[in-house]
Amino acid sequence: MFVVAGSLNLFLYPTFLRYQAGMATADYA
């Protein structure tokens, strides 16, 4: 579960969440 959590939270979710347009736009603004 350390492998699962680390894979999700440190590598996969950061990739997925770049496509939260609101967050990305707020960071830009």
PDB file of all heavy atoms in Angstrom:
ATOM      1  N   MET A   1       0.819  -1.207   0.000  1.00  0.00           N
ATOM      2  CA  MET A   1       0.000   0.000   0.000  1.00  0.00           C
ATOM      3  C   MET A   1       0.858   1.265   0.000  1.00  0.00           C
ATOM      4  O   MET A   1       0.404   2.319  -0.447  1.00  0.00           O
ATOM      5  CB  MET A   1      -0.944  -0.013   1.192  1.00  0.00           C
ATOM      6  CG  MET A   1      -2.021  -1.087   1.091  1.00  0.00           C
ATOM      7  SD  MET A   1      -2.886  -1.113  -0.512  1.00  0.00           S
ATOM      8  CE  MET A   1      -3.705   0.494  -0.463  1.00  0.00           C
ATOM      9  N   PHE A   2       2.104   1.159   0.462  1.00  0.00           N
ATOM     10  CA  PHE A   2       3.033   2.274   0.323  1.00  0.00           C
ATOM     11  C   PHE A   2       3.335   2.512  -1.153  1.00  0.00           C
ATOM     12  O   PHE A   2       3.380   3.652  -1.623  1.00  0.00           O
ATOM     13  CB  PHE A   2       4.312   1.977   1.095  1.00  0.00           C
ATOM     14  CG  PHE A   2       5.286   3.123   1.140  1.00  0.00           C
ATOM     15  CD1 PHE A   2       4.848   4.445   1.104  1.00  0.00           C
ATOM     16  CD2 PHE A   2       6.645   2.895   1.227  1.00  0.00           C
ATOM     17  CE1 PHE A   2       5.750   5.510   1.153  1.00  0.00           C
ATOM     18  CE2 PHE A   2       7.558   3.939   1.277  1.00  0.00           C
ATOM     19  CZ  PHE A   2       7.099   5.246   1.232  1.00  0.00           C
ATOM     20  N   VAL A   3       3.507   1.414  -1.905  1.00  0.00           N
ATOM     21  CA  VAL A   3       3.713   1.529  -3.343  1.00  0.00           C
ATOM     22  C   VAL A   3       2.491   2.145  -4.011  1.00  0.00           C
ATOM     23  O   VAL A   3       2.597   3.056  -4.851  1.00  0.00           O
ATOM     24  CB  VAL A   3       4.018   0.150  -3.959  1.00  0.00           C
ATOM     25  CG1 VAL A   3       3.982   0.222  -5.488  1.00  0.00           C
ATOM     26  CG2 VAL A   3       5.370  -0.370  -3.491  1.00  0.00           C
ATOM     27  N   VAL A   4       1.288   1.669  -3.641  1.00  0.00           N
ATOM     28  CA  VAL A   4       0.058   2.171  -4.237  1.00  0.00           C
ATOM     29  C   VAL A   4      -0.128   3.657  -3.920  1.00  0.00           C
ATOM     30  O   VAL A   4      -0.374   4.475  -4.819  1.00  0.00           O
ATOM     31  CB  VAL A   4      -1.156   1.365  -3.725  1.00  0.00           C
ATOM     32  CG1 VAL A   4      -2.463   2.020  -4.178  1.00  0.00           C
ATOM     33  CG2 VAL A   4      -1.090  -0.070  -4.231  1.00  0.00           C
ATOM     34  N   ALA A   5      -0.006   4.013  -2.638  1.00  0.00           N
ATOM     35  CA  ALA A   5      -0.210   5.413  -2.236  1.00  0.00           C
ATOM     36  C   ALA A   5       0.846   6.325  -2.849  1.00  0.00           C
ATOM     37  O   ALA A   5       0.530   7.427  -3.329  1.00  0.00           O
ATOM     38  CB  ALA A   5      -0.187   5.533  -0.714  1.00  0.00           C
ATOM     39  N   GLY A   6       2.096   5.881  -2.836  1.00  0.00           N
ATOM     40  CA  GLY A   6       3.154   6.694  -3.416  1.00  0.00           C
ATOM     41  C   GLY A   6       2.974   6.893  -4.909  1.00  0.00           C
ATOM     42  O   GLY A   6       3.165   8.000  -5.433  1.00  0.00           O
ATOM     43  N   SER A   7       2.601   5.820  -5.617  1.00  0.00           N
ATOM     44  CA  SER A   7       2.384   5.928  -7.059  1.00  0.00           C
ATOM     45  C   SER A   7       1.260   6.903  -7.375  1.00  0.00           C
ATOM     46  O   SER A   7       1.367   7.736  -8.281  1.00  0.00           O
ATOM     47  CB  SER A   7       2.068   4.550  -7.648  1.00  0.00           C
ATOM     48  OG  SER A   7       3.128   3.646  -7.442  1.00  0.00           O
ATOM     49  N   LEU A   8       0.155   6.787  -6.608  1.00  0.00           N
ATOM     50  CA  LEU A   8      -0.983   7.659  -6.856  1.00  0.00           C
ATOM     51  C   LEU A   8      -0.683   9.105  -6.485  1.00  0.00           C
ATOM     52  O   LEU A   8      -0.877  10.030  -7.286  1.00  0.00           O
ATOM     53  CB  LEU A   8      -2.201   7.161  -6.067  1.00  0.00           C
ATOM     54  CG  LEU A   8      -2.893   5.902  -6.581  1.00  0.00           C
ATOM     55  CD1 LEU A   8      -3.963   5.442  -5.602  1.00  0.00           C
ATOM     56  CD2 LEU A   8      -3.516   6.148  -7.947  1.00  0.00           C
ATOM     57  N   ASN A   9      -0.221   9.313  -5.260  1.00  0.00           N
ATOM     58  CA  ASN A   9      -0.130  10.668  -4.726  1.00  0.00           C
ATOM     59  C   ASN A   9       1.103  11.437  -5.173  1.00  0.00           C
ATOM     60  O   ASN A   9       1.077  12.679  -5.214  1.00  0.00           O
ATOM     61  CB  ASN A   9      -0.172  10.629  -3.192  1.00  0.00           C
ATOM     62  CG  ASN A   9      -1.513  10.172  -2.670  1.00  0.00           C
ATOM     63  OD1 ASN A   9      -2.559  10.472  -3.239  1.00  0.00           O
ATOM     64  ND2 ASN A   9      -1.500   9.424  -1.564  1.00  0.00           N
ATOM     65  N   LEU A  10       2.174  10.744  -5.508  1.00  0.00           N
ATOM     66  CA  LEU A  10       3.409  11.429  -5.864  1.00  0.00           C
ATOM     67  C   LEU A  10       3.650  11.498  -7.377  1.00  0.00           C
ATOM     68  O   LEU A  10       4.435  12.344  -7.833  1.00  0.00           O
ATOM     69  CB  LEU A  10       4.600  10.746  -5.189  1.00  0.00           C
ATOM     70  CG  LEU A  10       4.531  10.653  -3.662  1.00  0.00           C
ATOM     71  CD1 LEU A  10       5.774   9.964  -3.115  1.00  0.00           C
ATOM     72  CD2 LEU A  10       4.357  12.023  -3.030  1.00  0.00           C
ATOM     73  N   PHE A  11       2.981  10.633  -8.143  1.00  0.00           N
ATOM     74  CA  PHE A  11       3.235  10.612  -9.582  1.00  0.00           C
ATOM     75  C   PHE A  11       1.958  10.728 -10.420  1.00  0.00           C
ATOM     76  O   PHE A  11       1.883  11.554 -11.329  1.00  0.00           O
ATOM     77  CB  PHE A  11       3.986   9.328  -9.955  1.00  0.00           C
ATOM     78  CG  PHE A  11       5.339   9.223  -9.328  1.00  0.00           C
ATOM     79  CD1 PHE A  11       5.532   8.461  -8.184  1.00  0.00           C
ATOM     80  CD2 PHE A  11       6.421   9.906  -9.853  1.00  0.00           C
ATOM     81  CE1 PHE A  11       6.778   8.369  -7.586  1.00  0.00           C
ATOM     82  CE2 PHE A  11       7.677   9.825  -9.270  1.00  0.00           C
ATOM     83  CZ  PHE A  11       7.853   9.056  -8.124  1.00  0.00           C
ATOM     84  N   LEU A  12       0.943   9.911 -10.130  1.00  0.00           N
ATOM     85  CA  LEU A  12      -0.242   9.879 -10.984  1.00  0.00           C
ATOM     86  C   LEU A  12      -1.169  11.062 -10.742  1.00  0.00           C
ATOM     87  O   LEU A  12      -1.556  11.761 -11.696  1.00  0.00           O
ATOM     88  CB  LEU A  12      -0.992   8.555 -10.778  1.00  0.00           C
ATOM     89  CG  LEU A  12      -0.244   7.307 -11.264  1.00  0.00           C
ATOM     90  CD1 LEU A  12      -0.983   6.046 -10.865  1.00  0.00           C
ATOM     91  CD2 LEU A  12      -0.061   7.356 -12.775  1.00  0.00           C
ATOM     92  N   TYR A  13      -1.550  11.305  -9.491  1.00  0.00           N
ATOM     93  CA  TYR A  13      -2.453  12.420  -9.238  1.00  0.00           C
ATOM     94  C   TYR A  13      -1.874  13.771  -9.644  1.00  0.00           C
ATOM     95  O   TYR A  13      -2.601  14.611 -10.190  1.00  0.00           O
ATOM     96  CB  TYR A  13      -2.884  12.446  -7.766  1.00  0.00           C
ATOM     97  CG  TYR A  13      -4.038  11.522  -7.466  1.00  0.00           C
ATOM     98  CD1 TYR A  13      -4.129  10.843  -6.262  1.00  0.00           C
ATOM     99  CD2 TYR A  13      -5.059  11.313  -8.397  1.00  0.00           C
ATOM    100  CE1 TYR A  13      -5.179   9.987  -5.977  1.00  0.00           C
ATOM    101  CE2 TYR A  13      -6.116  10.460  -8.134  1.00  0.00           C
ATOM    102  CZ  TYR A  13      -6.175   9.803  -6.922  1.00  0.00           C
ATOM    103  OH  TYR A  13      -7.216   8.961  -6.658  1.00  0.00           O
ATOM    104  N   PRO A  14      -0.595  14.042  -9.388  1.00  0.00           N
ATOM    105  CA  PRO A  14      -0.051  15.316  -9.888  1.00  0.00           C
ATOM    106  C   PRO A  14      -0.197  15.464 -11.399  1.00  0.00           C
ATOM    107  O   PRO A  14      -0.379  16.579 -11.904  1.00  0.00           O
ATOM    108  CB  PRO A  14       1.426  15.256  -9.470  1.00  0.00           C
ATOM    109  CG  PRO A  14       1.421  14.406  -8.238  1.00  0.00           C
ATOM    110  CD  PRO A  14       0.371  13.356  -8.510  1.00  0.00           C
ATOM    111  N   THR A  15      -0.134  14.346 -12.132  1.00  0.00           N
ATOM    112  CA  THR A  15      -0.350  14.398 -13.586  1.00  0.00           C
ATOM    113  C   THR A  15      -1.810  14.657 -13.911  1.00  0.00           C
ATOM    114  O   THR A  15      -2.141  15.518 -14.736  1.00  0.00           O
ATOM    115  CB  THR A  15       0.100  13.077 -14.231  1.00  0.00           C
ATOM    116  OG1 THR A  15       1.491  12.869 -13.967  1.00  0.00           O
ATOM    117  CG2 THR A  15      -0.123  13.111 -15.739  1.00  0.00           C
ATOM    118  N   PHE A  16      -2.709  13.914 -13.261  1.00  0.00           N
ATOM    119  CA  PHE A  16      -4.141  14.071 -13.527  1.00  0.00           C
ATOM    120  C   PHE A  16      -4.627  15.477 -13.175  1.00  0.00           C
ATOM    121  O   PHE A  16      -5.398  16.092 -13.923  1.00  0.00           O
ATOM    122  CB  PHE A  16      -4.958  13.062 -12.721  1.00  0.00           C
ATOM    123  CG  PHE A  16      -4.615  11.620 -12.983  1.00  0.00           C
ATOM    124  CD1 PHE A  16      -4.860  10.645 -12.016  1.00  0.00           C
ATOM    125  CD2 PHE A  16      -4.057  11.223 -14.186  1.00  0.00           C
ATOM    126  CE1 PHE A  16      -4.555   9.320 -12.247  1.00  0.00           C
ATOM    127  CE2 PHE A  16      -3.735   9.896 -14.432  1.00  0.00           C
ATOM    128  CZ  PHE A  16      -3.988   8.936 -13.446  1.00  0.00           C
ATOM    129  N   LEU A  17      -4.186  15.981 -12.026  1.00  0.00           N
ATOM    130  CA  LEU A  17      -4.759  17.223 -11.494  1.00  0.00           C
ATOM    131  C   LEU A  17      -4.273  18.463 -12.234  1.00  0.00           C
ATOM    132  O   LEU A  17      -4.787  19.562 -12.012  1.00  0.00           O
ATOM    133  CB  LEU A  17      -4.468  17.341 -10.000  1.00  0.00           C
ATOM    134  CG  LEU A  17      -5.095  16.226  -9.146  1.00  0.00           C
ATOM    135  CD1 LEU A  17      -4.804  16.423  -7.675  1.00  0.00           C
ATOM    136  CD2 LEU A  17      -6.595  16.134  -9.377  1.00  0.00           C
ATOM    137  N   ARG A  18      -3.317  18.294 -13.122  1.00  0.00           N
ATOM    138  CA  ARG A  18      -2.964  19.416 -13.994  1.00  0.00           C
ATOM    139  C   ARG A  18      -4.125  19.786 -14.903  1.00  0.00           C
ATOM    140  O   ARG A  18      -4.167  20.892 -15.456  1.00  0.00           O
ATOM    141  CB  ARG A  18      -1.751  19.055 -14.859  1.00  0.00           C
ATOM    142  CG  ARG A  18      -0.423  18.994 -14.107  1.00  0.00           C
ATOM    143  CD  ARG A  18       0.712  18.771 -15.064  1.00  0.00           C
ATOM    144  NE  ARG A  18       0.529  17.535 -15.840  1.00  0.00           N
ATOM    145  CZ  ARG A  18       1.204  17.248 -16.954  1.00  0.00           C
ATOM    146  NH1 ARG A  18       2.079  18.117 -17.424  1.00  0.00           N
ATOM    147  NH2 ARG A  18       0.998  16.107 -17.590  1.00  0.00           N
ATOM    148  N   TYR A  19      -5.054  18.845 -15.063  1.00  0.00           N
ATOM    149  CA  TYR A  19      -6.206  19.084 -15.933  1.00  0.00           C
ATOM    150  C   TYR A  19      -7.428  19.582 -15.159  1.00  0.00           C
ATOM    151  O   TYR A  19      -8.531  19.568 -15.683  1.00  0.00           O
ATOM    152  CB  TYR A  19      -6.523  17.810 -16.718  1.00  0.00           C
ATOM    153  CG  TYR A  19      -5.374  17.431 -17.624  1.00  0.00           C
ATOM    154  CD1 TYR A  19      -4.411  16.520 -17.213  1.00  0.00           C
ATOM    155  CD2 TYR A  19      -5.216  18.043 -18.863  1.00  0.00           C
ATOM    156  CE1 TYR A  19      -3.335  16.198 -18.022  1.00  0.00           C
ATOM    157  CE2 TYR A  19      -4.141  17.727 -19.683  1.00  0.00           C
ATOM    158  CZ  TYR A  19      -3.205  16.812 -19.259  1.00  0.00           C
ATOM    159  OH  TYR A  19      -2.130  16.509 -20.074  1.00  0.00           O
ATOM    160  N   GLN A  20      -7.214  20.015 -13.928  1.00  0.00           N
ATOM    161  CA  GLN A  20      -8.211  20.821 -13.239  1.00  0.00           C
ATOM    162  C   GLN A  20      -7.999  22.254 -13.721  1.00  0.00           C
ATOM    163  O   GLN A  20      -7.160  22.994 -13.198  1.00  0.00           O
ATOM    164  CB  GLN A  20      -8.054  20.715 -11.720  1.00  0.00           C
ATOM    165  CG  GLN A  20      -8.405  19.341 -11.191  1.00  0.00           C
ATOM    166  CD  GLN A  20      -8.477  19.278  -9.670  1.00  0.00           C
ATOM    167  OE1 GLN A  20      -9.128  18.429  -9.114  1.00  0.00           O
ATOM    168  NE2 GLN A  20      -7.799  20.192  -8.996  1.00  0.00           N
ATOM    169  N   ALA A  21      -8.756  22.634 -14.716  1.00  0.00           N
ATOM    170  CA  ALA A  21      -8.494  23.905 -15.398  1.00  0.00           C
ATOM    171  C   ALA A  21      -8.594  25.088 -14.454  1.00  0.00           C
ATOM    172  O   ALA A  21      -7.844  26.065 -14.577  1.00  0.00           O
ATOM    173  CB  ALA A  21      -9.480  24.073 -16.560  1.00  0.00           C
ATOM    174  N   GLY A  22      -9.516  25.021 -13.495  1.00  0.00           N
ATOM    175  CA  GLY A  22      -9.669  26.138 -12.559  1.00  0.00           C
ATOM    176  C   GLY A  22      -8.423  26.360 -11.734  1.00  0.00           C
ATOM    177  O   GLY A  22      -7.959  27.492 -11.573  1.00  0.00           O
ATOM    178  N   MET A  23      -7.862  25.287 -11.195  1.00  0.00           N
ATOM    179  CA  MET A  23      -6.634  25.392 -10.418  1.00  0.00           C
ATOM    180  C   MET A  23      -5.479  25.891 -11.277  1.00  0.00           C
ATOM    181  O   MET A  23      -4.718  26.784 -10.865  1.00  0.00           O
ATOM    182  CB  MET A  23      -6.295  24.030  -9.822  1.00  0.00           C
ATOM    183  CG  MET A  23      -5.037  24.003  -8.980  1.00  0.00           C
ATOM    184  SD  MET A  23      -4.499  22.322  -8.633  1.00  0.00           S
ATOM    185  CE  MET A  23      -3.895  21.823 -10.261  1.00  0.00           C
ATOM    186  N   ALA A  24      -5.332  25.336 -12.484  1.00  0.00           N
ATOM    187  CA  ALA A  24      -4.242  25.746 -13.378  1.00  0.00           C
ATOM    188  C   ALA A  24      -4.379  27.219 -13.760  1.00  0.00           C
ATOM    189  O   ALA A  24      -3.379  27.962 -13.810  1.00  0.00           O
ATOM    190  CB  ALA A  24      -4.236  24.874 -14.629  1.00  0.00           C
ATOM    191  N   THR A  25      -5.603  27.657 -14.020  1.00  0.00           N
ATOM    192  CA  THR A  25      -5.825  29.058 -14.392  1.00  0.00           C
ATOM    193  C   THR A  25      -5.553  29.981 -13.213  1.00  0.00           C
ATOM    194  O   THR A  25      -4.967  31.059 -13.378  1.00  0.00           O
ATOM    195  CB  THR A  25      -7.269  29.263 -14.888  1.00  0.00           C
ATOM    196  OG1 THR A  25      -7.560  28.295 -15.888  1.00  0.00           O
ATOM    197  CG2 THR A  25      -7.456  30.653 -15.472  1.00  0.00           C
ATOM    198  N   ALA A  26      -5.962  29.562 -12.004  1.00  0.00           N
ATOM    199  CA  ALA A  26      -5.701  30.374 -10.815  1.00  0.00           C
ATOM    200  C   ALA A  26      -4.207  30.508 -10.567  1.00  0.00           C
ATOM    201  O   ALA A  26      -3.711  31.587 -10.227  1.00  0.00           O
ATOM    202  CB  ALA A  26      -6.394  29.757  -9.601  1.00  0.00           C
ATOM    203  N   ASP A  27      -3.465  29.405 -10.749  1.00  0.00           N
ATOM    204  CA  ASP A  27      -2.007  29.475 -10.594  1.00  0.00           C
ATOM    205  C   ASP A  27      -1.408  30.463 -11.594  1.00  0.00           C
ATOM    206  O   ASP A  27      -0.482  31.222 -11.260  1.00  0.00           O
ATOM    207  CB  ASP A  27      -1.395  28.089 -10.789  1.00  0.00           C
ATOM    208  CG  ASP A  27      -1.717  27.137  -9.643  1.00  0.00           C
ATOM    209  OD1 ASP A  27      -2.108  27.614  -8.571  1.00  0.00           O
ATOM    210  OD2 ASP A  27      -1.577  25.914  -9.840  1.00  0.00           O
ATOM    211  N   TYR A  28      -1.912  30.448 -12.814  1.00  0.00           N
ATOM    212  CA  TYR A  28      -1.433  31.390 -13.826  1.00  0.00           C
ATOM    213  C   TYR A  28      -1.765  32.827 -13.428  1.00  0.00           C
ATOM    214  O   TYR A  28      -0.892  33.717 -13.480  1.00  0.00           O
ATOM    215  CB  TYR A  28      -2.070  31.053 -15.176  1.00  0.00           C
ATOM    216  CG  TYR A  28      -1.915  32.126 -16.219  1.00  0.00           C
ATOM    217  CD1 TYR A  28      -0.720  32.280 -16.921  1.00  0.00           C
ATOM    218  CD2 TYR A  28      -2.965  33.011 -16.499  1.00  0.00           C
ATOM    219  CE1 TYR A  28      -0.572  33.273 -17.881  1.00  0.00           C
ATOM    220  CE2 TYR A  28      -2.824  34.002 -17.449  1.00  0.00           C
ATOM    221  CZ  TYR A  28      -1.636  34.137 -18.142  1.00  0.00           C
ATOM    222  OH  TYR A  28      -1.487  35.133 -19.089  1.00  0.00           O
ATOM    223  N   ALA A  29      -3.005  33.056 -13.022  1.00  0.00           N
ATOM    224  CA  ALA A  29      -3.423  34.416 -12.658  1.00  0.00           C
ATOM    225  C   ALA A  29      -2.636  34.922 -11.457  1.00  0.00           C
ATOM    226  O   ALA A  29      -2.288  36.119 -11.385  1.00  0.00           O
ATOM    227  CB  ALA A  29      -4.923  34.439 -12.359  1.00  0.00           C
TER     228      ALA A  29
END
